Amino acid sequence: MSSVLDDPAHDASAQRMHGLPPIGLWWPMLERPLQMEVMENVDAPLRAVVVRRIFELCELDPGHGPRLGVRLGENERAYIAGWMHSVDWH
């Protein structure tokens, strides 16, 4: 099965668009409190501490990452929506 999320060309363009690594790499490792913060409003810009943690989880230099105004794209929001339905949050 393939999807837009599996398309490597799309992942590369998404990273260029907002500077984040592919969500499938960092979301499963992101600490639950930070996941909950992101899920509270997936359309809001990510706080700098969240972006920095994403880069740390992907073993990338957080000093070269975007700092302000980073928002999740459509596929990242869809990934999180799917994650929320597959994980028991209670």
PDB file of N, CA and C in Angstrom:
ATOM      1  N   MET A   1       0.860  -1.164   0.000  1.00  0.00           N
ATOM      2  CA  MET A   1       0.000   0.000   0.000  1.00  0.00           C
ATOM      3  C   MET A   1       0.904   1.224   0.000  1.00  0.00           C
ATOM      4  N   SER A   2       0.543   2.233  -0.748  1.00  0.00           N
ATOM      5  CA  SER A   2       1.328   3.468  -0.733  1.00  0.00           C
ATOM      6  C   SER A   2       0.404   4.627  -0.408  1.00  0.00           C
ATOM      7  N   SER A   3       1.019   5.657   0.061  1.00  0.00           N
ATOM      8  CA  SER A   3       0.272   6.861   0.384  1.00  0.00           C
ATOM      9  C   SER A   3       1.193   8.045   0.202  1.00  0.00           C
ATOM     10  N   VAL A   4       0.634   9.216   0.339  1.00  0.00           N
ATOM     11  CA  VAL A   4       1.449  10.415   0.228  1.00  0.00           C
ATOM     12  C   VAL A   4       2.529  10.415   1.300  1.00  0.00           C
ATOM     13  N   LEU A   5       2.210   9.870   2.473  1.00  0.00           N
ATOM     14  CA  LEU A   5       3.186   9.830   3.561  1.00  0.00           C
ATOM     15  C   LEU A   5       4.388   8.976   3.217  1.00  0.00           C
ATOM     16  N   ASP A   6       4.217   7.981   2.334  1.00  0.00           N
ATOM     17  CA  ASP A   6       5.307   7.096   1.964  1.00  0.00           C
ATOM     18  C   ASP A   6       6.143   7.630   0.816  1.00  0.00           C
ATOM     19  N   ASP A   7       5.754   8.723   0.207  1.00  0.00           N
ATOM     20  CA  ASP A   7       6.432   9.262  -0.961  1.00  0.00           C
ATOM     21  C   ASP A   7       7.683  10.029  -0.542  1.00  0.00           C
ATOM     22  N   PRO A   8       8.898   9.501  -0.835  1.00  0.00           N
ATOM     23  CA  PRO A   8      10.130  10.170  -0.417  1.00  0.00           C
ATOM     24  C   PRO A   8      10.258  11.577  -0.994  1.00  0.00           C
ATOM     25  N   ALA A   9       9.796  11.778  -2.200  1.00  0.00           N
ATOM     26  CA  ALA A   9       9.878  13.116  -2.788  1.00  0.00           C
ATOM     27  C   ALA A   9       9.028  14.089  -1.987  1.00  0.00           C
ATOM     28  N   HIS A  10       7.873  13.615  -1.514  1.00  0.00           N
ATOM     29  CA  HIS A  10       7.024  14.481  -0.711  1.00  0.00           C
ATOM     30  C   HIS A  10       7.700  14.810   0.616  1.00  0.00           C
ATOM     31  N   ASP A  11       8.331  13.819   1.253  1.00  0.00           N
ATOM     32  CA  ASP A  11       9.018  14.059   2.523  1.00  0.00           C
ATOM     33  C   ASP A  11      10.098  15.117   2.358  1.00  0.00           C
ATOM     34  N   ALA A  12      10.841  15.049   1.272  1.00  0.00           N
ATOM     35  CA  ALA A  12      11.902  16.020   1.037  1.00  0.00           C
ATOM     36  C   ALA A  12      11.325  17.416   0.843  1.00  0.00           C
ATOM     37  N   SER A  13      10.226  17.522   0.091  1.00  0.00           N
ATOM     38  CA  SER A  13       9.638  18.844  -0.119  1.00  0.00           C
ATOM     39  C   SER A  13       9.022  19.374   1.165  1.00  0.00           C
ATOM     40  N   ALA A  14       8.469  18.492   1.984  1.00  0.00           N
ATOM     41  CA  ALA A  14       7.905  18.934   3.261  1.00  0.00           C
ATOM     42  C   ALA A  14       9.004  19.465   4.169  1.00  0.00           C
ATOM     43  N   GLN A  15      10.145  18.802   4.178  1.00  0.00           N
ATOM     44  CA  GLN A  15      11.234  19.275   5.034  1.00  0.00           C
ATOM     45  C   GLN A  15      11.729  20.625   4.545  1.00  0.00           C
ATOM     46  N   ARG A  16      11.815  20.820   3.255  1.00  0.00           N
ATOM     47  CA  ARG A  16      12.240  22.122   2.735  1.00  0.00           C
ATOM     48  C   ARG A  16      11.212  23.192   3.077  1.00  0.00           C
ATOM     49  N   MET A  17       9.926  22.812   3.078  1.00  0.00           N
ATOM     50  CA  MET A  17       8.873  23.784   3.306  1.00  0.00           C
ATOM     51  C   MET A  17       8.946  24.357   4.720  1.00  0.00           C
ATOM     52  N   HIS A  18       9.060  23.506   5.736  1.00  0.00           N
ATOM     53  CA  HIS A  18       9.068  24.022   7.104  1.00  0.00           C
ATOM     54  C   HIS A  18      10.302  23.621   7.889  1.00  0.00           C
ATOM     55  N   GLY A  19      11.193  22.861   7.306  1.00  0.00           N
ATOM     56  CA  GLY A  19      12.465  22.554   7.933  1.00  0.00           C
ATOM     57  C   GLY A  19      12.480  21.398   8.910  1.00  0.00           C
ATOM     58  N   LEU A  20      11.357  20.724   9.121  1.00  0.00           N
ATOM     59  CA  LEU A  20      11.321  19.595  10.046  1.00  0.00           C
ATOM     60  C   LEU A  20      11.644  18.293   9.323  1.00  0.00           C
ATOM     61  N   PRO A  21      12.257  17.349  10.027  1.00  0.00           N
ATOM     62  CA  PRO A  21      12.429  16.011   9.453  1.00  0.00           C
ATOM     63  C   PRO A  21      11.061  15.346   9.283  1.00  0.00           C
ATOM     64  N   PRO A  22      10.982  14.250   8.535  1.00  0.00           N
ATOM     65  CA  PRO A  22       9.704  13.553   8.367  1.00  0.00           C
ATOM     66  C   PRO A  22       9.104  13.141   9.711  1.00  0.00           C
ATOM     67  N   ILE A  23       7.819  13.358   9.858  1.00  0.00           N
ATOM     68  CA  ILE A  23       7.129  13.123  11.132  1.00  0.00           C
ATOM     69  C   ILE A  23       7.214  11.674  11.594  1.00  0.00           C
ATOM     70  N   GLY A  24       7.276  10.740  10.666  1.00  0.00           N
ATOM     71  CA  GLY A  24       7.374   9.330  11.045  1.00  0.00           C
ATOM     72  C   GLY A  24       8.644   9.002  11.805  1.00  0.00           C
ATOM     73  N   LEU A  25       9.651   9.843  11.691  1.00  0.00           N
ATOM     74  CA  LEU A  25      10.891   9.634  12.426  1.00  0.00           C
ATOM     75  C   LEU A  25      10.793  10.107  13.867  1.00  0.00           C
ATOM     76  N   TRP A  26      10.209  11.269  14.071  1.00  0.00           N
ATOM     77  CA  TRP A  26      10.254  11.870  15.404  1.00  0.00           C
ATOM     78  C   TRP A  26       8.984  11.729  16.233  1.00  0.00           C
ATOM     79  N   TRP A  27       7.821  11.647  15.622  1.00  0.00           N
ATOM     80  CA  TRP A  27       6.583  11.612  16.413  1.00  0.00           C
ATOM     81  C   TRP A  27       6.530  10.434  17.383  1.00  0.00           C
ATOM     82  N   PRO A  28       6.867   9.207  16.954  1.00  0.00           N
ATOM     83  CA  PRO A  28       6.797   8.087  17.905  1.00  0.00           C
ATOM     84  C   PRO A  28       7.749   8.244  19.097  1.00  0.00           C
ATOM     85  N   MET A  29       8.835   8.986  18.933  1.00  0.00           N
ATOM     86  CA  MET A  29       9.811   9.167  20.012  1.00  0.00           C
ATOM     87  C   MET A  29       9.541  10.405  20.860  1.00  0.00           C
ATOM     88  N   LEU A  30       8.713  11.311  20.373  1.00  0.00           N
ATOM     89  CA  LEU A  30       8.433  12.550  21.098  1.00  0.00           C
ATOM     90  C   LEU A  30       7.731  12.227  22.410  1.00  0.00           C
ATOM     91  N   GLU A  31       8.169  12.863  23.472  1.00  0.00           N
ATOM     92  CA  GLU A  31       7.602  12.590  24.784  1.00  0.00           C
ATOM     93  C   GLU A  31       6.107  12.918  24.808  1.00  0.00           C
ATOM     94  N   ARG A  32       5.385  12.130  25.576  1.00  0.00           N
ATOM     95  CA  ARG A  32       3.925  12.254  25.621  1.00  0.00           C
ATOM     96  C   ARG A  32       3.445  13.672  25.957  1.00  0.00           C
ATOM     97  N   PRO A  33       4.053  14.381  26.932  1.00  0.00           N
ATOM     98  CA  PRO A  33       3.575  15.744  27.201  1.00  0.00           C
ATOM     99  C   PRO A  33       3.724  16.667  25.986  1.00  0.00           C
ATOM    100  N   LEU A  34       4.795  16.487  25.219  1.00  0.00           N
ATOM    101  CA  LEU A  34       4.964  17.309  24.022  1.00  0.00           C
ATOM    102  C   LEU A  34       3.987  16.882  22.935  1.00  0.00           C
ATOM    103  N   GLN A  35       3.728  15.583  22.828  1.00  0.00           N
ATOM    104  CA  GLN A  35       2.721  15.121  21.875  1.00  0.00           C
ATOM    105  C   GLN A  35       1.364  15.727  22.222  1.00  0.00           C
ATOM    106  N   MET A  36       1.019  15.697  23.497  1.00  0.00           N
ATOM    107  CA  MET A  36      -0.274  16.242  23.920  1.00  0.00           C
ATOM    108  C   MET A  36      -0.357  17.734  23.603  1.00  0.00           C
ATOM    109  N   GLU A  37       0.733  18.450  23.812  1.00  0.00           N
ATOM    110  CA  GLU A  37       0.755  19.876  23.498  1.00  0.00           C
ATOM    111  C   GLU A  37       0.497  20.116  22.016  1.00  0.00           C
ATOM    112  N   VAL A  38       1.152  19.344  21.177  1.00  0.00           N
ATOM    113  CA  VAL A  38       0.965  19.489  19.728  1.00  0.00           C
ATOM    114  C   VAL A  38      -0.468  19.133  19.347  1.00  0.00           C
ATOM    115  N   MET A  39      -1.001  18.063  19.930  1.00  0.00           N
ATOM    116  CA  MET A  39      -2.346  17.610  19.581  1.00  0.00           C
ATOM    117  C   MET A  39      -3.434  18.579  20.032  1.00  0.00           C
ATOM    118  N   GLU A  40      -3.151  19.396  21.041  1.00  0.00           N
ATOM    119  CA  GLU A  40      -4.150  20.364  21.504  1.00  0.00           C
ATOM    120  C   GLU A  40      -4.544  21.337  20.397  1.00  0.00           C
ATOM    121  N   ASN A  41      -3.590  21.691  19.561  1.00  0.00           N
ATOM    122  CA  ASN A  41      -3.886  22.573  18.423  1.00  0.00           C
ATOM    123  C   ASN A  41      -2.857  22.309  17.335  1.00  0.00           C
ATOM    124  N   VAL A  42      -3.164  21.357  16.457  1.00  0.00           N
ATOM    125  CA  VAL A  42      -2.210  20.966  15.416  1.00  0.00           C
ATOM    126  C   VAL A  42      -1.992  22.057  14.370  1.00  0.00           C
ATOM    127  N   ASP A  43      -2.844  23.074  14.366  1.00  0.00           N
ATOM    128  CA  ASP A  43      -2.692  24.170  13.409  1.00  0.00           C
ATOM    129  C   ASP A  43      -1.814  25.301  13.945  1.00  0.00           C
ATOM    130  N   ALA A  44      -1.528  25.286  15.239  1.00  0.00           N
ATOM    131  CA  ALA A  44      -0.733  26.352  15.860  1.00  0.00           C
ATOM    132  C   ALA A  44       0.750  26.165  15.541  1.00  0.00           C
ATOM    133  N   PRO A  45       1.499  27.257  15.548  1.00  0.00           N
ATOM    134  CA  PRO A  45       2.957  27.120  15.389  1.00  0.00           C
ATOM    135  C   PRO A  45       3.531  26.319  16.559  1.00  0.00           C
ATOM    136  N   LEU A  46       4.539  25.522  16.276  1.00  0.00           N
ATOM    137  CA  LEU A  46       5.200  24.745  17.321  1.00  0.00           C
ATOM    138  C   LEU A  46       6.105  25.657  18.134  1.00  0.00           C
ATOM    139  N   ARG A  47       6.122  25.431  19.444  1.00  0.00           N
ATOM    140  CA  ARG A  47       7.040  26.201  20.280  1.00  0.00           C
ATOM    141  C   ARG A  47       8.481  25.803  19.941  1.00  0.00           C
ATOM    142  N   ALA A  48       9.393  26.727  20.176  1.00  0.00           N
ATOM    143  CA  ALA A  48      10.812  26.491  19.862  1.00  0.00           C
ATOM    144  C   ALA A  48      11.345  25.263  20.592  1.00  0.00           C
ATOM    145  N   VAL A  49      10.900  25.027  21.824  1.00  0.00           N
ATOM    146  CA  VAL A  49      11.373  23.871  22.585  1.00  0.00           C
ATOM    147  C   VAL A  49      10.943  22.562  21.921  1.00  0.00           C
ATOM    148  N   VAL A  50       9.774  22.540  21.311  1.00  0.00           N
ATOM    149  CA  VAL A  50       9.299  21.341  20.613  1.00  0.00           C
ATOM    150  C   VAL A  50      10.141  21.112  19.361  1.00  0.00           C
ATOM    151  N   VAL A  51      10.386  22.161  18.609  1.00  0.00           N
ATOM    152  CA  VAL A  51      11.208  22.044  17.391  1.00  0.00           C
ATOM    153  C   VAL A  51      12.609  21.570  17.763  1.00  0.00           C
ATOM    154  N   ARG A  52      13.172  22.136  18.813  1.00  0.00           N
ATOM    155  CA  ARG A  52      14.518  21.740  19.259  1.00  0.00           C
ATOM    156  C   ARG A  52      14.539  20.261  19.639  1.00  0.00           C
ATOM    157  N   ARG A  53      13.501  19.804  20.335  1.00  0.00           N
ATOM    158  CA  ARG A  53      13.441  18.394  20.741  1.00  0.00           C
ATOM    159  C   ARG A  53      13.316  17.478  19.532  1.00  0.00           C
ATOM    160  N   ILE A  54      12.554  17.887  18.537  1.00  0.00           N
ATOM    161  CA  ILE A  54      12.422  17.102  17.303  1.00  0.00           C
ATOM    162  C   ILE A  54      13.791  16.912  16.670  1.00  0.00           C
ATOM    163  N   PHE A  55      14.564  17.987  16.585  1.00  0.00           N
ATOM    164  CA  PHE A  55      15.902  17.886  15.995  1.00  0.00           C
ATOM    165  C   PHE A  55      16.812  16.998  16.834  1.00  0.00           C
ATOM    166  N   GLU A  56      16.708  17.086  18.151  1.00  0.00           N
ATOM    167  CA  GLU A  56      17.521  16.227  19.020  1.00  0.00           C
ATOM    168  C   GLU A  56      17.169  14.759  18.813  1.00  0.00           C
ATOM    169  N   LEU A  57      15.880  14.448  18.720  1.00  0.00           N
ATOM    170  CA  LEU A  57      15.446  13.066  18.526  1.00  0.00           C
ATOM    171  C   LEU A  57      15.953  12.494  17.209  1.00  0.00           C
ATOM    172  N   CYS A  58      16.070  13.339  16.200  1.00  0.00           N
ATOM    173  CA  CYS A  58      16.538  12.902  14.883  1.00  0.00           C
ATOM    174  C   CYS A  58      18.052  13.036  14.745  1.00  0.00           C
ATOM    175  N   GLU A  59      18.697  13.356  15.857  1.00  0.00           N
ATOM    176  CA  GLU A  59      20.148  13.509  15.891  1.00  0.00           C
ATOM    177  C   GLU A  59      20.632  14.538  14.875  1.00  0.00           C
ATOM    178  N   LEU A  60      19.885  15.638  14.786  1.00  0.00           N
ATOM    179  CA  LEU A  60      20.249  16.750  13.929  1.00  0.00           C
ATOM    180  C   LEU A  60      20.625  17.931  14.807  1.00  0.00           C
ATOM    181  N   ASP A  61      21.426  18.823  14.296  1.00  0.00           N
ATOM    182  CA  ASP A  61      21.848  19.996  15.052  1.00  0.00           C
ATOM    183  C   ASP A  61      20.677  20.965  15.175  1.00  0.00           C
ATOM    184  N   PRO A  62      20.142  21.147  16.392  1.00  0.00           N
ATOM    185  CA  PRO A  62      18.993  22.041  16.541  1.00  0.00           C
ATOM    186  C   PRO A  62      19.324  23.497  16.260  1.00  0.00           C
ATOM    187  N   GLY A  63      20.606  23.844  16.270  1.00  0.00           N
ATOM    188  CA  GLY A  63      21.003  25.214  15.973  1.00  0.00           C
ATOM    189  C   GLY A  63      20.774  25.609  14.526  1.00  0.00           C
ATOM    190  N   HIS A  64      20.652  24.627  13.639  1.00  0.00           N
ATOM    191  CA  HIS A  64      20.430  24.905  12.215  1.00  0.00           C
ATOM    192  C   HIS A  64      18.975  24.755  11.807  1.00  0.00           C
ATOM    193  N   GLY A  65      18.132  24.430  12.750  1.00  0.00           N
ATOM    194  CA  GLY A  65      16.719  24.229  12.443  1.00  0.00           C
ATOM    195  C   GLY A  65      15.941  25.526  12.511  1.00  0.00           C
ATOM    196  N   PRO A  66      14.725  25.500  12.021  1.00  0.00           N
ATOM    197  CA  PRO A  66      13.855  26.673  12.115  1.00  0.00           C
ATOM    198  C   PRO A  66      13.502  26.927  13.569  1.00  0.00           C
ATOM    199  N   ARG A  67      13.216  28.159  13.902  1.00  0.00           N
ATOM    200  CA  ARG A  67      12.937  28.479  15.306  1.00  0.00           C
ATOM    201  C   ARG A  67      11.521  28.985  15.522  1.00  0.00           C
ATOM    202  N   LEU A  68      11.050  29.858  14.683  1.00  0.00           N
ATOM    203  CA  LEU A  68       9.747  30.476  14.908  1.00  0.00           C
ATOM    204  C   LEU A  68       8.813  30.208  13.740  1.00  0.00           C
ATOM    205  N   GLY A  69       7.542  30.113  14.046  1.00  0.00           N
ATOM    206  CA  GLY A  69       6.533  30.005  13.002  1.00  0.00           C
ATOM    207  C   GLY A  69       6.472  28.667  12.303  1.00  0.00           C
ATOM    208  N   VAL A  70       7.055  27.617  12.892  1.00  0.00           N
ATOM    209  CA  VAL A  70       7.018  26.295  12.275  1.00  0.00           C
ATOM    210  C   VAL A  70       5.648  25.689  12.530  1.00  0.00           C
ATOM    211  N   ARG A  71       4.992  25.335  11.460  1.00  0.00           N
ATOM    212  CA  ARG A  71       3.666  24.705  11.545  1.00  0.00           C
ATOM    213  C   ARG A  71       3.712  23.351  10.854  1.00  0.00           C
ATOM    214  N   LEU A  72       2.878  22.460  11.339  1.00  0.00           N
ATOM    215  CA  LEU A  72       2.756  21.152  10.706  1.00  0.00           C
ATOM    216  C   LEU A  72       1.998  21.291   9.398  1.00  0.00           C
ATOM    217  N   GLY A  73       2.411  20.515   8.419  1.00  0.00           N
ATOM    218  CA  GLY A  73       1.726  20.502   7.134  1.00  0.00           C
ATOM    219  C   GLY A  73       0.529  19.568   7.156  1.00  0.00           C
ATOM    220  N   GLU A  74      -0.148  19.494   6.043  1.00  0.00           N
ATOM    221  CA  GLU A  74      -1.348  18.668   5.932  1.00  0.00           C
ATOM    222  C   GLU A  74      -1.064  17.200   6.241  1.00  0.00           C
ATOM    223  N   ASN A  75       0.033  16.673   5.706  1.00  0.00           N
ATOM    224  CA  ASN A  75       0.344  15.261   5.952  1.00  0.00           C
ATOM    225  C   ASN A  75       0.744  15.000   7.397  1.00  0.00           C
ATOM    226  N   GLU A  76       1.438  15.947   8.027  1.00  0.00           N
ATOM    227  CA  GLU A  76       1.782  15.786   9.437  1.00  0.00           C
ATOM    228  C   GLU A  76       0.521  15.764  10.300  1.00  0.00           C
ATOM    229  N   ARG A  77      -0.411  16.646   9.989  1.00  0.00           N
ATOM    230  CA  ARG A  77      -1.676  16.668  10.738  1.00  0.00           C
ATOM    231  C   ARG A  77      -2.459  15.372  10.525  1.00  0.00           C
ATOM    232  N   ALA A  78      -2.435  14.840   9.304  1.00  0.00           N
ATOM    233  CA  ALA A  78      -3.114  13.569   9.018  1.00  0.00           C
ATOM    234  C   ALA A  78      -2.439  12.419   9.763  1.00  0.00           C
ATOM    235  N   TYR A  79      -1.123  12.442   9.820  1.00  0.00           N
ATOM    236  CA  TYR A  79      -0.374  11.413  10.548  1.00  0.00           C
ATOM    237  C   TYR A  79      -0.779  11.418  12.019  1.00  0.00           C
ATOM    238  N   ILE A  80      -0.832  12.606  12.618  1.00  0.00           N
ATOM    239  CA  ILE A  80      -1.199  12.723  14.028  1.00  0.00           C
ATOM    240  C   ILE A  80      -2.640  12.277  14.249  1.00  0.00           C
ATOM    241  N   ALA A  81      -3.532  12.622  13.345  1.00  0.00           N
ATOM    242  CA  ALA A  81      -4.929  12.183  13.475  1.00  0.00           C
ATOM    243  C   ALA A  81      -5.007  10.660  13.460  1.00  0.00           C
ATOM    244  N   GLY A  82      -4.271  10.033  12.571  1.00  0.00           N
ATOM    245  CA  GLY A  82      -4.239   8.568  12.531  1.00  0.00           C
ATOM    246  C   GLY A  82      -3.634   7.981  13.791  1.00  0.00           C
ATOM    247  N   TRP A  83      -2.597   8.621  14.289  1.00  0.00           N
ATOM    248  CA  TRP A  83      -1.940   8.177  15.526  1.00  0.00           C
ATOM    249  C   TRP A  83      -2.927   8.236  16.698  1.00  0.00           C
ATOM    250  N   MET A  84      -3.681   9.320  16.770  1.00  0.00           N
ATOM    251  CA  MET A  84      -4.625   9.500  17.875  1.00  0.00           C
ATOM    252  C   MET A  84      -5.674   8.397  17.880  1.00  0.00           C
ATOM    253  N   HIS A  85      -6.079   7.923  16.706  1.00  0.00           N
ATOM    254  CA  HIS A  85      -7.086   6.878  16.632  1.00  0.00           C
ATOM    255  C   HIS A  85      -6.513   5.504  16.936  1.00  0.00           C
ATOM    256  N   SER A  86      -5.204   5.340  16.772  1.00  0.00           N
ATOM    257  CA  SER A  86      -4.617   4.023  16.977  1.00  0.00           C
ATOM    258  C   SER A  86      -4.025   3.838  18.362  1.00  0.00           C
ATOM    259  N   VAL A  87      -3.892   4.901  19.137  1.00  0.00           N
ATOM    260  CA  VAL A  87      -3.265   4.821  20.462  1.00  0.00           C
ATOM    261  C   VAL A  87      -4.304   5.122  21.530  1.00  0.00           C
ATOM    262  N   ASP A  88      -4.263   4.354  22.581  1.00  0.00           N
ATOM    263  CA  ASP A  88      -5.161   4.591  23.713  1.00  0.00           C
ATOM    264  C   ASP A  88      -4.573   5.681  24.586  1.00  0.00           C
ATOM    265  N   TRP A  89      -5.227   6.838  24.648  1.00  0.00           N
ATOM    266  CA  TRP A  89      -4.699   7.984  25.407  1.00  0.00           C
ATOM    267  C   TRP A  89      -5.254   8.069  26.800  1.00  0.00           C
ATOM    268  N   HIS A  90      -5.994   7.084  27.221  1.00  0.00           N
ATOM    269  CA  HIS A  90      -6.591   7.141  28.573  1.00  0.00           C
ATOM    270  C   HIS A  90      -5.742   6.408  29.571  1.00  0.00           C
TER     271      HIS A  90
END
